[in-house]
N, C-alpha and C. Protein backbone atom coordinates (compact mmCIF):
# COMPACT_ATOMS: atom_id res chain seq x y z
N MET A 1 0.85 -1.18 0.00
CA MET A 1 0.00 0.00 0.00
C MET A 1 0.89 1.24 0.00
N GLU A 2 0.51 2.20 -0.79
CA GLU A 2 1.25 3.45 -0.87
C GLU A 2 0.96 4.33 0.35
N ILE A 3 1.90 5.18 0.69
CA ILE A 3 1.77 6.05 1.87
C ILE A 3 0.53 6.94 1.79
N PRO A 4 0.26 7.65 0.69
CA PRO A 4 -0.93 8.51 0.66
C PRO A 4 -2.24 7.75 0.90
N LYS A 5 -2.34 6.54 0.35
CA LYS A 5 -3.55 5.73 0.54
C LYS A 5 -3.69 5.32 2.00
N ALA A 6 -2.59 4.89 2.61
CA ALA A 6 -2.62 4.50 4.02
C ALA A 6 -2.96 5.70 4.90
N PHE A 7 -2.36 6.84 4.61
CA PHE A 7 -2.65 8.05 5.39
C PHE A 7 -4.14 8.38 5.29
N GLY A 8 -4.69 8.31 4.09
CA GLY A 8 -6.10 8.62 3.91
C GLY A 8 -7.02 7.70 4.69
N GLU A 9 -6.69 6.42 4.72
CA GLU A 9 -7.50 5.46 5.48
C GLU A 9 -7.44 5.73 6.98
N VAL A 10 -6.25 6.00 7.47
CA VAL A 10 -6.09 6.28 8.91
C VAL A 10 -6.79 7.59 9.26
N LEU A 11 -6.64 8.60 8.43
CA LEU A 11 -7.30 9.88 8.66
C LEU A 11 -8.81 9.70 8.71
N ARG A 12 -9.37 8.97 7.75
CA ARG A 12 -10.82 8.74 7.71
C ARG A 12 -11.30 8.04 8.99
N ARG A 13 -10.55 7.05 9.42
CA ARG A 13 -10.90 6.31 10.64
C ARG A 13 -10.97 7.26 11.85
N HIS A 14 -9.95 8.09 12.00
CA HIS A 14 -9.92 9.02 13.14
C HIS A 14 -10.98 10.11 13.03
N ARG A 15 -11.21 10.59 11.82
CA ARG A 15 -12.23 11.63 11.62
C ARG A 15 -13.61 11.10 12.00
N LYS A 16 -13.92 9.90 11.55
CA LYS A 16 -15.22 9.31 11.87
C LYS A 16 -15.34 9.01 13.36
N LYS A 17 -14.25 8.54 13.96
CA LYS A 17 -14.26 8.27 15.40
C LYS A 17 -14.56 9.54 16.20
N ALA A 18 -14.07 10.68 15.69
CA ALA A 18 -14.30 11.97 16.36
C ALA A 18 -15.63 12.60 15.95
N ASN A 19 -16.39 11.92 15.11
CA ASN A 19 -17.70 12.40 14.64
C ASN A 19 -17.63 13.73 13.91
N PHE A 20 -16.61 13.89 13.07
CA PHE A 20 -16.49 15.07 12.23
C PHE A 20 -16.85 14.69 10.80
N SER A 21 -17.53 15.59 10.11
CA SER A 21 -17.65 15.45 8.66
C SER A 21 -16.33 15.95 8.07
N GLN A 22 -16.11 15.67 6.81
CA GLN A 22 -14.90 16.19 6.16
C GLN A 22 -14.88 17.71 6.22
N GLU A 23 -16.01 18.33 5.97
CA GLU A 23 -16.09 19.79 5.97
C GLU A 23 -15.84 20.35 7.37
N GLN A 24 -16.41 19.73 8.40
CA GLN A 24 -16.20 20.21 9.76
C GLN A 24 -14.73 20.15 10.15
N LEU A 25 -14.08 19.04 9.83
CA LEU A 25 -12.66 18.90 10.16
C LEU A 25 -11.84 19.95 9.41
N ALA A 26 -12.13 20.13 8.14
CA ALA A 26 -11.39 21.12 7.35
C ALA A 26 -11.54 22.52 7.95
N LEU A 27 -12.75 22.88 8.33
CA LEU A 27 -12.98 24.21 8.90
C LEU A 27 -12.23 24.38 10.22
N GLN A 28 -12.24 23.36 11.07
CA GLN A 28 -11.53 23.43 12.35
C GLN A 28 -10.02 23.56 12.15
N CYS A 29 -9.52 23.02 11.04
CA CYS A 29 -8.07 23.06 10.74
C CYS A 29 -7.69 24.24 9.86
N ASN A 30 -8.66 25.09 9.53
CA ASN A 30 -8.43 26.22 8.62
C ASN A 30 -7.94 25.76 7.24
N LEU A 31 -8.56 24.71 6.74
CA LEU A 31 -8.24 24.18 5.42
C LEU A 31 -9.46 24.34 4.52
N ASP A 32 -9.24 24.28 3.22
CA ASP A 32 -10.36 24.31 2.29
C ASP A 32 -11.28 23.13 2.57
N ARG A 33 -12.56 23.34 2.42
CA ARG A 33 -13.53 22.32 2.80
C ARG A 33 -13.38 21.01 2.04
N THR A 34 -12.79 21.05 0.85
CA THR A 34 -12.64 19.83 0.06
C THR A 34 -11.32 19.10 0.33
N TYR A 35 -10.42 19.74 1.05
CA TYR A 35 -9.07 19.21 1.21
C TYR A 35 -9.03 17.88 1.96
N ILE A 36 -9.85 17.73 2.99
CA ILE A 36 -9.86 16.48 3.76
C ILE A 36 -10.27 15.32 2.86
N GLY A 37 -11.25 15.53 2.02
CA GLY A 37 -11.66 14.49 1.08
C GLY A 37 -10.54 14.11 0.12
N LEU A 38 -9.80 15.10 -0.34
CA LEU A 38 -8.67 14.83 -1.22
C LEU A 38 -7.60 14.02 -0.51
N LEU A 39 -7.35 14.34 0.76
CA LEU A 39 -6.38 13.56 1.55
C LEU A 39 -6.87 12.13 1.73
N GLU A 40 -8.14 11.97 2.07
CA GLU A 40 -8.68 10.64 2.32
C GLU A 40 -8.69 9.77 1.06
N ARG A 41 -8.79 10.39 -0.09
CA ARG A 41 -8.78 9.64 -1.36
C ARG A 41 -7.38 9.56 -1.96
N ALA A 42 -6.38 9.98 -1.20
CA ALA A 42 -4.97 9.92 -1.62
C ALA A 42 -4.69 10.75 -2.86
N GLN A 43 -5.44 11.83 -3.03
CA GLN A 43 -5.22 12.71 -4.17
C GLN A 43 -4.34 13.90 -3.82
N ARG A 44 -4.06 14.08 -2.54
CA ARG A 44 -3.15 15.11 -2.05
C ARG A 44 -2.33 14.50 -0.93
N GLN A 45 -1.15 15.10 -0.69
CA GLN A 45 -0.30 14.68 0.42
C GLN A 45 -0.12 15.88 1.34
N PRO A 46 -0.33 15.69 2.64
CA PRO A 46 -0.29 16.81 3.57
C PRO A 46 1.13 17.24 3.91
N SER A 47 1.26 18.51 4.26
CA SER A 47 2.53 19.01 4.80
C SER A 47 2.59 18.63 6.28
N ILE A 48 3.76 18.79 6.86
CA ILE A 48 3.91 18.55 8.30
C ILE A 48 2.98 19.47 9.08
N SER A 49 2.88 20.72 8.67
CA SER A 49 2.00 21.68 9.36
C SER A 49 0.55 21.21 9.32
N THR A 50 0.13 20.68 8.19
CA THR A 50 -1.24 20.19 8.06
C THR A 50 -1.47 18.97 8.94
N ILE A 51 -0.50 18.07 8.99
CA ILE A 51 -0.62 16.90 9.87
C ILE A 51 -0.79 17.34 11.31
N PHE A 52 0.03 18.30 11.75
CA PHE A 52 -0.06 18.79 13.13
C PHE A 52 -1.42 19.45 13.39
N ALA A 53 -1.92 20.23 12.45
CA ALA A 53 -3.22 20.89 12.63
C ALA A 53 -4.34 19.86 12.73
N ILE A 54 -4.32 18.86 11.87
CA ILE A 54 -5.34 17.82 11.89
C ILE A 54 -5.28 17.05 13.21
N CYS A 55 -4.09 16.69 13.63
CA CYS A 55 -3.93 15.93 14.87
C CYS A 55 -4.39 16.72 16.08
N LYS A 56 -4.14 18.02 16.08
CA LYS A 56 -4.58 18.86 17.20
C LYS A 56 -6.10 18.83 17.31
N VAL A 57 -6.78 18.99 16.18
CA VAL A 57 -8.24 18.99 16.18
C VAL A 57 -8.80 17.62 16.55
N LEU A 58 -8.15 16.56 16.07
CA LEU A 58 -8.61 15.20 16.37
C LEU A 58 -8.14 14.70 17.74
N ASN A 59 -7.34 15.52 18.41
CA ASN A 59 -6.85 15.20 19.75
C ASN A 59 -6.02 13.92 19.78
N ILE A 60 -5.13 13.79 18.80
CA ILE A 60 -4.18 12.67 18.78
C ILE A 60 -2.79 13.23 18.51
N ALA A 61 -1.79 12.55 18.99
CA ALA A 61 -0.41 12.98 18.76
C ALA A 61 -0.02 12.66 17.32
N PRO A 62 0.70 13.56 16.68
CA PRO A 62 1.13 13.28 15.30
C PRO A 62 1.87 11.96 15.15
N TYR A 63 2.71 11.62 16.14
CA TYR A 63 3.46 10.37 16.02
C TYR A 63 2.53 9.16 16.04
N GLU A 64 1.40 9.26 16.74
CA GLU A 64 0.44 8.16 16.77
C GLU A 64 -0.19 7.96 15.38
N LEU A 65 -0.52 9.07 14.74
CA LEU A 65 -1.10 8.99 13.40
C LEU A 65 -0.10 8.37 12.42
N ILE A 66 1.14 8.84 12.47
CA ILE A 66 2.18 8.32 11.57
C ILE A 66 2.45 6.84 11.86
N LYS A 67 2.44 6.48 13.14
CA LYS A 67 2.67 5.08 13.52
C LYS A 67 1.57 4.19 12.94
N GLU A 68 0.33 4.64 13.01
CA GLU A 68 -0.78 3.86 12.45
C GLU A 68 -0.65 3.72 10.93
N VAL A 69 -0.20 4.78 10.27
CA VAL A 69 0.03 4.71 8.82
C VAL A 69 1.09 3.66 8.53
N GLU A 70 2.18 3.70 9.27
CA GLU A 70 3.26 2.74 9.08
C GLU A 70 2.79 1.31 9.33
N GLU A 71 2.02 1.11 10.40
CA GLU A 71 1.51 -0.23 10.72
C GLU A 71 0.58 -0.75 9.63
N LEU A 72 -0.25 0.13 9.08
CA LEU A 72 -1.15 -0.28 8.00
C LEU A 72 -0.36 -0.69 6.76
N ILE A 73 0.64 0.08 6.42
CA ILE A 73 1.49 -0.25 5.27
C ILE A 73 2.18 -1.59 5.50
N ASN A 74 2.75 -1.77 6.68
CA ASN A 74 3.45 -3.02 6.98
C ASN A 74 2.51 -4.22 6.97
N SER A 75 1.31 -4.04 7.50
CA SER A 75 0.36 -5.17 7.52
C SER A 75 -0.07 -5.53 6.10
N GLN A 76 -0.22 -4.54 5.24
CA GLN A 76 -0.59 -4.80 3.85
C GLN A 76 0.54 -5.50 3.11
N GLN A 77 1.78 -5.07 3.38
CA GLN A 77 2.93 -5.69 2.72
C GLN A 77 3.09 -7.13 3.19
N SER A 78 2.86 -7.38 4.47
CA SER A 78 2.95 -8.75 4.99
C SER A 78 1.90 -9.63 4.34
N GLY A 79 0.71 -9.10 4.16
CA GLY A 79 -0.36 -9.84 3.52
C GLY A 79 -0.10 -10.12 2.06
N ASP A 80 0.66 -9.24 1.41
CA ASP A 80 0.99 -9.43 0.00
C ASP A 80 1.91 -10.62 -0.22
N HIS A 81 2.69 -10.97 0.81
CA HIS A 81 3.67 -12.04 0.67
C HIS A 81 3.12 -13.41 1.03
N LEU A 82 1.87 -13.49 1.45
CA LEU A 82 1.28 -14.77 1.86
C LEU A 82 0.88 -15.60 0.68
């Protein structure tokens, strides 16, 4: 799995867990309302500043988000070799 796709999946999971719509999360992060959807569909890649802003609003540490992305990529790669 590619990094942008994994990031989008993890972001979507956390956004839904926090009960935010894509538009609500974007507004809270001072981002364009469509940007969260683009991230979740792996059509854009966030800057470090954007990752920090999203994590602050979702109340998670940036390293936790990155760790989940890495774990998802690793689990997909492990599954590919079976």
